[in-house]
């Protein structure tokens, strides 16, 4: 009888243990980071907000231009420092896209961005002379820096590195990788509109991602969506010229600077959405497309094996979609 009771008790304990195991559910963490907002949804047995915030802090300590203690700030201030994995991953991708875009994407463009009033602590300037731009261009160019033995070597101490054109995408990749390591198979990481999606949402459906429609005529109008994509297993980034600009007299100055000329771009591409093998790569390629314009952007994407593009182009008072041949296949 004692033996039988022990057997029943053991079975009850086993059943209790099974029932007591945490069940996976969908969590949603959101907040502000890197001057923008993040929204992260994932299926897990535990809330990982603390781990997410810790990852953001580690990333900021490496690549932030606005954190005086970051590795990037030390490099820009010409203080002795060594690079880390975050920085060197960014550098490698920046170098590849610089070459692929024939210099249209360049992480040393920061002084020009600031000169035209688009830096975080800048003032809009309307009296920029060609002599001033030519002077600044003397220390802008990815060919003026190199990475050796975990140190950045500059040909001119005034060269500054700005990883902002890849940072949000790289951070998305970082958080997605952290979620994968924790066993998450279903997640959506959105940082300022750059996205990594994997698996399905809480309804068991593909994740839904919107592409914003630029408003050509009414700057105060509520945003509309150009298209809603139902996707899974995708890394996507969008860059646009329709929000961040100002008027210098009658000239509309875009925040996208062509590092090859030193001036804001003035072509008709209003936004570029890229799907690529990583979100960091998509982020960099989206910026490059905004600099290049539609024809050169399509040519650049056509020379890649892991990216597709969707461009929204202004033609008079209407929008025209221009996409690479592999776009539809890439978002399936």
C-alpha atoms as a PDB file:
ATOM      1  CA  UNK A   1       0.000   0.000   0.000  1.00  0.00           C
ATOM      2  CA  UNK A   2       2.834   2.426   0.908  1.00  0.00           C
ATOM      3  CA  UNK A   3       4.513   1.591  -2.361  1.00  0.00           C
ATOM      4  CA  UNK A   4       1.309   2.292  -4.289  1.00  0.00           C
ATOM      5  CA  UNK A   5       0.828   5.644  -2.537  1.00  0.00           C
ATOM      6  CA  UNK A   6       4.409   6.631  -3.316  1.00  0.00           C
ATOM      7  CA  UNK A   7       3.753   5.797  -6.963  1.00  0.00           C
ATOM      8  CA  UNK A   8       0.628   7.966  -7.033  1.00  0.00           C
ATOM      9  CA  UNK A   9       2.523  10.812  -5.339  1.00  0.00           C
ATOM     10  CA  UNK A  10       5.343  10.611  -7.875  1.00  0.00           C
ATOM     11  CA  UNK A  11       2.868  10.720 -10.759  1.00  0.00           C
ATOM     12  CA  UNK A  12       1.168  13.745  -9.208  1.00  0.00           C
ATOM     13  CA  UNK A  13       4.496  15.506  -8.845  1.00  0.00           C
ATOM     14  CA  UNK A  14       5.336  14.789 -12.471  1.00  0.00           C
ATOM     15  CA  UNK A  15       1.978  16.096 -13.635  1.00  0.00           C
ATOM     16  CA  UNK A  16       2.347  19.147 -11.399  1.00  0.00           C
ATOM     17  CA  UNK A  17       5.815  19.800 -12.839  1.00  0.00           C
ATOM     18  CA  UNK A  18       4.513  19.616 -16.403  1.00  0.00           C
ATOM     19  CA  UNK A  19       1.598  21.929 -15.656  1.00  0.00           C
ATOM     20  CA  UNK A  20       3.878  24.330 -13.796  1.00  0.00           C
ATOM     21  CA  UNK A  21       6.235  24.827 -16.775  1.00  0.00           C
ATOM     22  CA  UNK A  22       5.969  28.403 -18.169  1.00  0.00           C
ATOM     23  CA  UNK A  23       4.006  28.587 -21.384  1.00  0.00           C
ATOM     24  CA  UNK A  24       5.202  30.609 -24.346  1.00  0.00           C
ATOM     25  CA  UNK A  25       3.300  33.802 -25.063  1.00  0.00           C
ATOM     26  CA  UNK A  26       3.796  36.920 -27.145  1.00  0.00           C
ATOM     27  CA  UNK A  27       5.484  39.842 -25.416  1.00  0.00           C
ATOM     28  CA  UNK A  28       5.641  43.446 -26.594  1.00  0.00           C
ATOM     29  CA  UNK A  29       8.424  45.795 -25.508  1.00  0.00           C
ATOM     30  CA  UNK A  30       8.541  49.388 -26.692  1.00  0.00           C
ATOM     31  CA  UNK A  31      10.302  52.632 -25.871  1.00  0.00           C
ATOM     32  CA  UNK A  32      12.759  55.240 -27.076  1.00  0.00           C
ATOM     33  CA  UNK A  33      16.316  54.521 -28.151  1.00  0.00           C
ATOM     34  CA  UNK A  34      18.948  56.146 -30.386  1.00  0.00           C
ATOM     35  CA  UNK A  35      16.728  59.189 -30.898  1.00  0.00           C
ATOM     36  CA  UNK A  36      13.847  57.104 -32.248  1.00  0.00           C
ATOM     37  CA  UNK A  37      11.356  54.477 -31.069  1.00  0.00           C
ATOM     38  CA  UNK A  38      11.484  50.701 -30.910  1.00  0.00           C
ATOM     39  CA  UNK A  39       8.709  48.122 -30.979  1.00  0.00           C
ATOM     40  CA  UNK A  40       9.667  44.501 -30.404  1.00  0.00           C
ATOM     41  CA  UNK A  41       7.219  41.601 -30.374  1.00  0.00           C
ATOM     42  CA  UNK A  42       8.270  38.015 -29.763  1.00  0.00           C
ATOM     43  CA  UNK A  43       7.038  34.647 -28.561  1.00  0.00           C
ATOM     44  CA  UNK A  44       8.814  33.500 -25.418  1.00  0.00           C
ATOM     45  CA  UNK A  45       8.331  31.962 -22.011  1.00  0.00           C
ATOM     46  CA  UNK A  46       9.694  35.132 -20.372  1.00  0.00           C
ATOM     47  CA  UNK A  47       9.756  38.881 -20.851  1.00  0.00           C
ATOM     48  CA  UNK A  48      13.229  39.864 -22.110  1.00  0.00           C
ATOM     49  CA  UNK A  49      12.966  43.634 -21.829  1.00  0.00           C
ATOM     50  CA  UNK A  50      15.935  43.832 -19.449  1.00  0.00           C
ATOM     51  CA  UNK A  51      18.127  41.921 -21.899  1.00  0.00           C
ATOM     52  CA  UNK A  52      16.952  44.122 -24.764  1.00  0.00           C
ATOM     53  CA  UNK A  53      17.780  47.312 -22.873  1.00  0.00           C
ATOM     54  CA  UNK A  54      21.179  45.930 -21.857  1.00  0.00           C
ATOM     55  CA  UNK A  55      21.911  45.180 -25.514  1.00  0.00           C
ATOM     56  CA  UNK A  56      20.957  48.716 -26.491  1.00  0.00           C
ATOM     57  CA  UNK A  57      23.303  50.126 -23.845  1.00  0.00           C
ATOM     58  CA  UNK A  58      26.221  48.017 -25.084  1.00  0.00           C
ATOM     59  CA  UNK A  59      25.527  49.105 -28.646  1.00  0.00           C
ATOM     60  CA  UNK A  60      25.305  52.787 -27.655  1.00  0.00           C
ATOM     61  CA  UNK A  61      28.631  52.541 -25.835  1.00  0.00           C
ATOM     62  CA  UNK A  62      30.203  51.434 -29.092  1.00  0.00           C
ATOM     63  CA  UNK A  63      28.615  53.370 -31.953  1.00  0.00           C
ATOM     64  CA  UNK A  64      26.840  56.470 -30.636  1.00  0.00           C
ATOM     65  CA  UNK A  65      28.046  59.869 -31.872  1.00  0.00           C
ATOM     66  CA  UNK A  66      26.157  61.491 -28.995  1.00  0.00           C
ATOM     67  CA  UNK A  67      27.547  59.386 -26.152  1.00  0.00           C
ATOM     68  CA  UNK A  68      30.855  61.069 -25.192  1.00  0.00           C
ATOM     69  CA  UNK A  69      32.095  57.796 -23.718  1.00  0.00           C
ATOM     70  CA  UNK A  70      31.477  55.653 -26.805  1.00  0.00           C
ATOM     71  CA  UNK A  71      34.210  54.159 -28.961  1.00  0.00           C
ATOM     72  CA  UNK A  72      32.970  56.200 -31.920  1.00  0.00           C
ATOM     73  CA  UNK A  73      33.168  59.464 -29.967  1.00  0.00           C
ATOM     74  CA  UNK A  74      36.701  58.649 -28.865  1.00  0.00           C
ATOM     75  CA  UNK A  75      37.697  58.053 -32.503  1.00  0.00           C
ATOM     76  CA  UNK A  76      36.097  61.321 -33.625  1.00  0.00           C
ATOM     77  CA  UNK A  77      37.848  63.180 -30.799  1.00  0.00           C
ATOM     78  CA  UNK A  78      41.181  61.548 -31.744  1.00  0.00           C
ATOM     79  CA  UNK A  79      41.476  59.899 -28.343  1.00  0.00           C
ATOM     80  CA  UNK A  80      43.386  56.628 -28.161  1.00  0.00           C
ATOM     81  CA  UNK A  81      40.937  53.713 -28.257  1.00  0.00           C
ATOM     82  CA  UNK A  82      40.459  50.271 -29.739  1.00  0.00           C
ATOM     83  CA  UNK A  83      37.465  49.090 -31.709  1.00  0.00           C
ATOM     84  CA  UNK A  84      35.174  46.194 -30.779  1.00  0.00           C
ATOM     85  CA  UNK A  85      32.968  43.682 -32.605  1.00  0.00           C
ATOM     86  CA  UNK A  86      30.029  46.093 -33.020  1.00  0.00           C
ATOM     87  CA  UNK A  87      32.258  48.749 -34.558  1.00  0.00           C
ATOM     88  CA  UNK A  88      34.146  46.375 -36.828  1.00  0.00           C
ATOM     89  CA  UNK A  89      30.942  44.765 -38.112  1.00  0.00           C
ATOM     90  CA  UNK A  90      29.640  48.231 -38.997  1.00  0.00           C
ATOM     91  CA  UNK A  91      32.947  49.148 -40.622  1.00  0.00           C
ATOM     92  CA  UNK A  92      33.032  46.035 -42.829  1.00  0.00           C
ATOM     93  CA  UNK A  93      29.522  46.644 -44.153  1.00  0.00           C
ATOM     94  CA  UNK A  94      30.194  50.352 -44.681  1.00  0.00           C
ATOM     95  CA  UNK A  95      33.312  49.502 -46.670  1.00  0.00           C
ATOM     96  CA  UNK A  96      31.406  47.049 -48.890  1.00  0.00           C
ATOM     97  CA  UNK A  97      28.551  49.455 -49.635  1.00  0.00           C
ATOM     98  CA  UNK A  98      30.976  52.349 -50.196  1.00  0.00           C
ATOM     99  CA  UNK A  99      32.621  50.312 -52.946  1.00  0.00           C
ATOM    100  CA  UNK A 100      29.345  48.981 -54.360  1.00  0.00           C
ATOM    101  CA  UNK A 101      27.822  52.478 -54.558  1.00  0.00           C
ATOM    102  CA  UNK A 102      30.957  54.096 -56.002  1.00  0.00           C
ATOM    103  CA  UNK A 103      31.232  56.356 -52.976  1.00  0.00           C
ATOM    104  CA  UNK A 104      27.569  57.382 -52.716  1.00  0.00           C
ATOM    105  CA  UNK A 105      27.427  55.753 -49.279  1.00  0.00           C
ATOM    106  CA  UNK A 106      30.138  57.141 -47.021  1.00  0.00           C
ATOM    107  CA  UNK A 107      30.258  57.088 -43.221  1.00  0.00           C
ATOM    108  CA  UNK A 108      32.589  60.113 -43.153  1.00  0.00           C
ATOM    109  CA  UNK A 109      29.883  62.477 -44.483  1.00  0.00           C
ATOM    110  CA  UNK A 110      29.019  63.854 -41.007  1.00  0.00           C
ATOM    111  CA  UNK A 111      30.759  67.269 -41.372  1.00  0.00           C
ATOM    112  CA  UNK A 112      28.749  67.998 -44.520  1.00  0.00           C
ATOM    113  CA  UNK A 113      25.504  66.919 -42.865  1.00  0.00           C
ATOM    114  CA  UNK A 114      26.240  69.262 -39.974  1.00  0.00           C
ATOM    115  CA  UNK A 115      27.183  72.136 -42.303  1.00  0.00           C
ATOM    116  CA  UNK A 116      23.760  71.992 -43.948  1.00  0.00           C
ATOM    117  CA  UNK A 117      21.973  72.009 -40.613  1.00  0.00           C
ATOM    118  CA  UNK A 118      20.916  68.370 -40.283  1.00  0.00           C
ATOM    119  CA  UNK A 119      23.072  67.288 -37.355  1.00  0.00           C
ATOM    120  CA  UNK A 120      21.354  66.872 -33.995  1.00  0.00           C
ATOM    121  CA  UNK A 121      23.072  69.979 -32.590  1.00  0.00           C
ATOM    122  CA  UNK A 122      23.263  71.956 -35.832  1.00  0.00           C
ATOM    123  CA  UNK A 123      21.473  75.064 -36.992  1.00  0.00           C
ATOM    124  CA  UNK A 124      20.096  75.359 -40.475  1.00  0.00           C
ATOM    125  CA  UNK A 125      22.450  77.378 -42.650  1.00  0.00           C
ATOM    126  CA  UNK A 126      21.441  79.339 -45.710  1.00  0.00           C
ATOM    127  CA  UNK A 127      24.750  81.020 -46.566  1.00  0.00           C
ATOM    128  CA  UNK A 128      26.968  78.033 -47.339  1.00  0.00           C
ATOM    129  CA  UNK A 129      29.484  79.019 -49.970  1.00  0.00           C
ATOM    130  CA  UNK A 130      31.049  76.681 -52.490  1.00  0.00           C
ATOM    131  CA  UNK A 131      34.400  77.519 -50.888  1.00  0.00           C
ATOM    132  CA  UNK A 132      33.123  76.272 -47.522  1.00  0.00           C
ATOM    133  CA  UNK A 133      31.874  73.014 -49.046  1.00  0.00           C
ATOM    134  CA  UNK A 134      35.153  72.503 -50.929  1.00  0.00           C
ATOM    135  CA  UNK A 135      37.042  73.079 -47.693  1.00  0.00           C
ATOM    136  CA  UNK A 136      34.977  70.499 -45.803  1.00  0.00           C
ATOM    137  CA  UNK A 137      35.322  67.956 -48.607  1.00  0.00           C
ATOM    138  CA  UNK A 138      39.071  67.891 -47.967  1.00  0.00           C
ATOM    139  CA  UNK A 139      38.414  65.740 -44.896  1.00  0.00           C
ATOM    140  CA  UNK A 140      35.384  63.770 -46.117  1.00  0.00           C
ATOM    141  CA  UNK A 141      35.930  60.412 -47.775  1.00  0.00           C
ATOM    142  CA  UNK A 142      36.127  56.789 -46.697  1.00  0.00           C
ATOM    143  CA  UNK A 143      39.422  56.564 -48.551  1.00  0.00           C
ATOM    144  CA  UNK A 144      40.890  58.855 -45.876  1.00  0.00           C
ATOM    145  CA  UNK A 145      40.542  56.272 -43.084  1.00  0.00           C
ATOM    146  CA  UNK A 146      41.538  52.664 -42.547  1.00  0.00           C
ATOM    147  CA  UNK A 147      41.132  50.051 -39.812  1.00  0.00           C
ATOM    148  CA  UNK A 148      44.317  48.356 -38.638  1.00  0.00           C
ATOM    149  CA  UNK A 149      44.825  46.160 -35.576  1.00  0.00           C
ATOM    150  CA  UNK A 150      41.549  47.336 -34.014  1.00  0.00           C
ATOM    151  CA  UNK A 151      42.423  51.010 -34.470  1.00  0.00           C
ATOM    152  CA  UNK A 152      41.103  53.611 -36.912  1.00  0.00           C
ATOM    153  CA  UNK A 153      43.894  55.439 -38.726  1.00  0.00           C
ATOM    154  CA  UNK A 154      43.024  58.829 -40.260  1.00  0.00           C
ATOM    155  CA  UNK A 155      44.886  60.708 -42.971  1.00  0.00           C
ATOM    156  CA  UNK A 156      43.434  63.917 -41.504  1.00  0.00           C
ATOM    157  CA  UNK A 157      42.479  64.331 -37.823  1.00  0.00           C
ATOM    158  CA  UNK A 158      39.351  66.272 -38.835  1.00  0.00           C
ATOM    159  CA  UNK A 159      37.789  63.146 -40.396  1.00  0.00           C
ATOM    160  CA  UNK A 160      34.695  62.054 -38.465  1.00  0.00           C
ATOM    161  CA  UNK A 161      32.872  58.712 -38.549  1.00  0.00           C
ATOM    162  CA  UNK A 162      29.072  58.562 -38.430  1.00  0.00           C
ATOM    163  CA  UNK A 163      27.483  55.112 -38.269  1.00  0.00           C
ATOM    164  CA  UNK A 164      23.961  56.533 -38.195  1.00  0.00           C
ATOM    165  CA  UNK A 165      23.096  55.311 -41.688  1.00  0.00           C
ATOM    166  CA  UNK A 166      23.536  51.699 -40.571  1.00  0.00           C
ATOM    167  CA  UNK A 167      23.037  51.881 -36.793  1.00  0.00           C
ATOM    168  CA  UNK A 168      19.293  51.205 -36.609  1.00  0.00           C
ATOM    169  CA  UNK A 169      19.600  48.292 -39.009  1.00  0.00           C
ATOM    170  CA  UNK A 170      22.580  46.860 -37.154  1.00  0.00           C
ATOM    171  CA  UNK A 171      20.744  47.207 -33.845  1.00  0.00           C
ATOM    172  CA  UNK A 172      17.785  45.296 -35.318  1.00  0.00           C
ATOM    173  CA  UNK A 173      20.136  42.490 -36.328  1.00  0.00           C
ATOM    174  CA  UNK A 174      21.662  42.508 -32.839  1.00  0.00           C
ATOM    175  CA  UNK A 175      18.307  42.204 -31.048  1.00  0.00           C
ATOM    176  CA  UNK A 176      17.080  39.545 -33.499  1.00  0.00           C
ATOM    177  CA  UNK A 177      20.217  37.497 -32.858  1.00  0.00           C
ATOM    178  CA  UNK A 178      19.747  37.830 -29.099  1.00  0.00           C
ATOM    179  CA  UNK A 179      16.144  36.601 -29.415  1.00  0.00           C
ATOM    180  CA  UNK A 180      17.290  33.639 -31.511  1.00  0.00           C
ATOM    181  CA  UNK A 181      19.867  32.709 -28.892  1.00  0.00           C
ATOM    182  CA  UNK A 182      17.089  32.714 -26.304  1.00  0.00           C
ATOM    183  CA  UNK A 183      15.095  30.241 -28.386  1.00  0.00           C
ATOM    184  CA  UNK A 184      12.598  32.639 -29.983  1.00  0.00           C
ATOM    185  CA  UNK A 185      11.359  31.511 -33.387  1.00  0.00           C
ATOM    186  CA  UNK A 186       8.671  34.153 -33.888  1.00  0.00           C
ATOM    187  CA  UNK A 187       9.565  37.834 -33.562  1.00  0.00           C
ATOM    188  CA  UNK A 188       9.391  41.286 -35.108  1.00  0.00           C
ATOM    189  CA  UNK A 189      12.092  43.832 -34.290  1.00  0.00           C
ATOM    190  CA  UNK A 190      11.300  47.396 -35.382  1.00  0.00           C
ATOM    191  CA  UNK A 191      13.696  50.246 -34.578  1.00  0.00           C
ATOM    192  CA  UNK A 192      12.706  53.523 -36.180  1.00  0.00           C
ATOM    193  CA  UNK A 193      11.102  51.743 -39.117  1.00  0.00           C
ATOM    194  CA  UNK A 194      13.972  49.339 -39.809  1.00  0.00           C
ATOM    195  CA  UNK A 195      12.685  45.807 -39.393  1.00  0.00           C
ATOM    196  CA  UNK A 196      13.729  42.212 -38.903  1.00  0.00           C
ATOM    197  CA  UNK A 197      10.812  39.773 -39.036  1.00  0.00           C
ATOM    198  CA  UNK A 198      10.898  36.028 -38.459  1.00  0.00           C
ATOM    199  CA  UNK A 199       8.231  33.393 -38.121  1.00  0.00           C
ATOM    200  CA  UNK A 200       4.633  34.469 -37.509  1.00  0.00           C
ATOM    201  CA  UNK A 201       2.652  36.857 -35.315  1.00  0.00           C
ATOM    202  CA  UNK A 202       0.354  35.999 -32.404  1.00  0.00           C
ATOM    203  CA  UNK A 203      -2.442  35.096 -34.836  1.00  0.00           C
ATOM    204  CA  UNK A 204      -0.217  32.643 -36.650  1.00  0.00           C
ATOM    205  CA  UNK A 205      -0.041  34.932 -39.682  1.00  0.00           C
ATOM    206  CA  UNK A 206       2.905  36.586 -41.435  1.00  0.00           C
ATOM    207  CA  UNK A 207       4.000  39.886 -39.955  1.00  0.00           C
ATOM    208  CA  UNK A 208       2.446  42.987 -41.535  1.00  0.00           C
ATOM    209  CA  UNK A 209       4.779  45.875 -42.395  1.00  0.00           C
ATOM    210  CA  UNK A 210       3.694  49.153 -43.960  1.00  0.00           C
ATOM    211  CA  UNK A 211       5.600  51.318 -46.435  1.00  0.00           C
ATOM    212  CA  UNK A 212       4.746  54.978 -45.811  1.00  0.00           C
ATOM    213  CA  UNK A 213       3.381  57.007 -48.708  1.00  0.00           C
ATOM    214  CA  UNK A 214       5.175  60.367 -49.022  1.00  0.00           C
ATOM    215  CA  UNK A 215       2.746  63.274 -49.027  1.00  0.00           C
ATOM    216  CA  UNK A 216       3.621  65.619 -51.883  1.00  0.00           C
ATOM    217  CA  UNK A 217       1.171  68.446 -51.353  1.00  0.00           C
ATOM    218  CA  UNK A 218       0.036  68.661 -47.730  1.00  0.00           C
ATOM    219  CA  UNK A 219       2.920  68.600 -45.270  1.00  0.00           C
ATOM    220  CA  UNK A 220       0.633  68.524 -42.239  1.00  0.00           C
ATOM    221  CA  UNK A 221      -1.549  65.675 -43.468  1.00  0.00           C
ATOM    222  CA  UNK A 222      -1.773  62.401 -41.606  1.00  0.00           C
ATOM    223  CA  UNK A 223       0.531  59.728 -42.980  1.00  0.00           C
ATOM    224  CA  UNK A 224      -0.906  57.112 -45.307  1.00  0.00           C
ATOM    225  CA  UNK A 225       0.519  53.753 -46.290  1.00  0.00           C
ATOM    226  CA  UNK A 226       1.609  53.117 -49.832  1.00  0.00           C
ATOM    227  CA  UNK A 227       1.590  49.361 -49.351  1.00  0.00           C
ATOM    228  CA  UNK A 228       1.234  46.794 -46.584  1.00  0.00           C
ATOM    229  CA  UNK A 229       3.471  43.756 -46.883  1.00  0.00           C
ATOM    230  CA  UNK A 230       2.746  40.371 -45.301  1.00  0.00           C
ATOM    231  CA  UNK A 231       6.209  38.942 -44.693  1.00  0.00           C
ATOM    232  CA  UNK A 232       8.235  36.459 -42.729  1.00  0.00           C
ATOM    233  CA  UNK A 233      11.982  35.914 -42.565  1.00  0.00           C
ATOM    234  CA  UNK A 234      12.856  39.346 -43.938  1.00  0.00           C
ATOM    235  CA  UNK A 235      15.242  42.213 -43.144  1.00  0.00           C
ATOM    236  CA  UNK A 236      13.977  45.566 -44.419  1.00  0.00           C
ATOM    237  CA  UNK A 237      14.939  49.245 -44.168  1.00  0.00           C
ATOM    238  CA  UNK A 238      13.508  52.458 -45.588  1.00  0.00           C
ATOM    239  CA  UNK A 239      15.191  55.805 -46.154  1.00  0.00           C
ATOM    240  CA  UNK A 240      13.308  58.921 -47.260  1.00  0.00           C
ATOM    241  CA  UNK A 241      13.688  62.588 -48.150  1.00  0.00           C
ATOM    242  CA  UNK A 242      10.134  63.702 -47.527  1.00  0.00           C
ATOM    243  CA  UNK A 243      10.333  64.428 -43.787  1.00  0.00           C
ATOM    244  CA  UNK A 244      13.717  65.904 -42.976  1.00  0.00           C
ATOM    245  CA  UNK A 245      14.353  68.989 -45.100  1.00  0.00           C
ATOM    246  CA  UNK A 246      14.124  72.776 -45.026  1.00  0.00           C
ATOM    247  CA  UNK A 247      13.866  75.622 -47.509  1.00  0.00           C
ATOM    248  CA  UNK A 248      16.840  77.834 -48.290  1.00  0.00           C
ATOM    249  CA  UNK A 249      15.018  80.590 -50.158  1.00  0.00           C
ATOM    250  CA  UNK A 250      13.270  78.720 -52.942  1.00  0.00           C
ATOM    251  CA  UNK A 251      15.597  75.715 -52.698  1.00  0.00           C
ATOM    252  CA  UNK A 252      14.319  72.625 -50.882  1.00  0.00           C
ATOM    253  CA  UNK A 253      17.335  71.109 -49.114  1.00  0.00           C
ATOM    254  CA  UNK A 254      17.090  67.396 -48.455  1.00  0.00           C
ATOM    255  CA  UNK A 255      18.842  65.852 -45.446  1.00  0.00           C
ATOM    256  CA  UNK A 256      20.524  63.309 -47.757  1.00  0.00           C
ATOM    257  CA  UNK A 257      23.954  64.614 -48.709  1.00  0.00           C
ATOM    258  CA  UNK A 258      25.892  63.290 -51.674  1.00  0.00           C
ATOM    259  CA  UNK A 259      29.408  62.862 -50.251  1.00  0.00           C
ATOM    260  CA  UNK A 260      30.840  62.930 -53.772  1.00  0.00           C
ATOM    261  CA  UNK A 261      29.633  66.492 -54.453  1.00  0.00           C
ATOM    262  CA  UNK A 262      29.186  67.836 -50.931  1.00  0.00           C
ATOM    263  CA  UNK A 263      25.622  68.990 -51.577  1.00  0.00           C
ATOM    264  CA  UNK A 264      22.107  67.704 -50.758  1.00  0.00           C
ATOM    265  CA  UNK A 265      20.646  65.497 -53.465  1.00  0.00           C
ATOM    266  CA  UNK A 266      17.958  67.041 -55.649  1.00  0.00           C
ATOM    267  CA  UNK A 267      16.589  64.123 -57.662  1.00  0.00           C
ATOM    268  CA  UNK A 268      13.007  62.845 -57.535  1.00  0.00           C
ATOM    269  CA  UNK A 269      13.391  59.698 -55.384  1.00  0.00           C
ATOM    270  CA  UNK A 270      11.394  60.337 -52.206  1.00  0.00           C
ATOM    271  CA  UNK A 271      11.912  57.007 -50.460  1.00  0.00           C
ATOM    272  CA  UNK A 272      13.830  53.781 -50.899  1.00  0.00           C
ATOM    273  CA  UNK A 273      12.852  50.511 -49.242  1.00  0.00           C
ATOM    274  CA  UNK A 274      15.386  47.696 -49.320  1.00  0.00           C
ATOM    275  CA  UNK A 275      15.124  44.016 -48.471  1.00  0.00           C
ATOM    276  CA  UNK A 276      18.524  42.407 -47.896  1.00  0.00           C
ATOM    277  CA  UNK A 277      20.331  39.566 -46.134  1.00  0.00           C
ATOM    278  CA  UNK A 278      20.782  41.700 -43.003  1.00  0.00           C
ATOM    279  CA  UNK A 279      18.987  44.789 -41.773  1.00  0.00           C
ATOM    280  CA  UNK A 280      22.288  46.628 -41.486  1.00  0.00           C
ATOM    281  CA  UNK A 281      22.964  45.993 -45.176  1.00  0.00           C
ATOM    282  CA  UNK A 282      19.412  47.046 -46.067  1.00  0.00           C
ATOM    283  CA  UNK A 283      19.893  50.263 -44.067  1.00  0.00           C
ATOM    284  CA  UNK A 284      23.133  51.147 -45.846  1.00  0.00           C
ATOM    285  CA  UNK A 285      21.773  50.308 -49.292  1.00  0.00           C
ATOM    286  CA  UNK A 286      18.624  52.396 -48.678  1.00  0.00           C
ATOM    287  CA  UNK A 287      20.797  55.428 -47.926  1.00  0.00           C
ATOM    288  CA  UNK A 288      22.911  54.760 -51.014  1.00  0.00           C
ATOM    289  CA  UNK A 289      19.775  54.578 -53.176  1.00  0.00           C
ATOM    290  CA  UNK A 290      18.624  57.960 -51.898  1.00  0.00           C
ATOM    291  CA  UNK A 291      21.948  59.467 -52.941  1.00  0.00           C
ATOM    292  CA  UNK A 292      22.146  57.745 -56.326  1.00  0.00           C
ATOM    293  CA  UNK A 293      18.661  58.325 -57.727  1.00  0.00           C
ATOM    294  CA  UNK A 294      16.449  55.769 -59.432  1.00  0.00           C
ATOM    295  CA  UNK A 295      18.554  54.679 -62.405  1.00  0.00           C
ATOM    296  CA  UNK A 296      21.847  54.314 -60.572  1.00  0.00           C
ATOM    297  CA  UNK A 297      20.089  52.724 -57.587  1.00  0.00           C
ATOM    298  CA  UNK A 298      18.574  50.013 -59.782  1.00  0.00           C
ATOM    299  CA  UNK A 299      21.982  49.429 -61.343  1.00  0.00           C
ATOM    300  CA  UNK A 300      23.603  49.078 -57.925  1.00  0.00           C
ATOM    301  CA  UNK A 301      20.960  46.662 -56.629  1.00  0.00           C
ATOM    302  CA  UNK A 302      21.266  44.689 -59.855  1.00  0.00           C
ATOM    303  CA  UNK A 303      24.925  44.084 -59.010  1.00  0.00           C
ATOM    304  CA  UNK A 304      24.058  42.528 -55.633  1.00  0.00           C
ATOM    305  CA  UNK A 305      22.990  38.948 -54.987  1.00  0.00           C
ATOM    306  CA  UNK A 306      21.128  39.510 -51.717  1.00  0.00           C
ATOM    307  CA  UNK A 307      19.062  42.701 -52.039  1.00  0.00           C
ATOM    308  CA  UNK A 308      15.965  44.132 -53.717  1.00  0.00           C
ATOM    309  CA  UNK A 309      14.616  47.688 -53.824  1.00  0.00           C
ATOM    310  CA  UNK A 310      11.272  49.502 -53.959  1.00  0.00           C
ATOM    311  CA  UNK A 311      11.534  53.186 -54.814  1.00  0.00           C
ATOM    312  CA  UNK A 312       8.847  55.869 -54.637  1.00  0.00           C
ATOM    313  CA  UNK A 313       9.583  58.543 -57.213  1.00  0.00           C
ATOM    314  CA  UNK A 314       7.890  61.924 -57.670  1.00  0.00           C
ATOM    315  CA  UNK A 315       6.685  62.725 -61.166  1.00  0.00           C
ATOM    316  CA  UNK A 316       4.954  66.114 -61.206  1.00  0.00           C
ATOM    317  CA  UNK A 317       2.121  65.743 -58.651  1.00  0.00           C
ATOM    318  CA  UNK A 318       2.058  61.955 -58.555  1.00  0.00           C
ATOM    319  CA  UNK A 319       4.057  59.056 -57.159  1.00  0.00           C
ATOM    320  CA  UNK A 320       5.515  56.330 -59.322  1.00  0.00           C
ATOM    321  CA  UNK A 321       6.771  52.987 -58.025  1.00  0.00           C
ATOM    322  CA  UNK A 322      10.099  51.817 -59.421  1.00  0.00           C
ATOM    323  CA  UNK A 323      11.328  48.446 -58.163  1.00  0.00           C
ATOM    324  CA  UNK A 324      14.037  45.956 -58.949  1.00  0.00           C
ATOM    325  CA  UNK A 325      13.097  42.849 -60.902  1.00  0.00           C
ATOM    326  CA  UNK A 326      13.505  40.632 -57.838  1.00  0.00           C
ATOM    327  CA  UNK A 327      11.341  42.737 -55.485  1.00  0.00           C
ATOM    328  CA  UNK A 328       8.182  40.607 -55.552  1.00  0.00           C
ATOM    329  CA  UNK A 329      10.167  37.424 -55.080  1.00  0.00           C
ATOM    330  CA  UNK A 330      12.152  38.918 -52.198  1.00  0.00           C
ATOM    331  CA  UNK A 331       9.105  39.788 -50.077  1.00  0.00           C
ATOM    332  CA  UNK A 332       7.295  36.469 -50.458  1.00  0.00           C
END
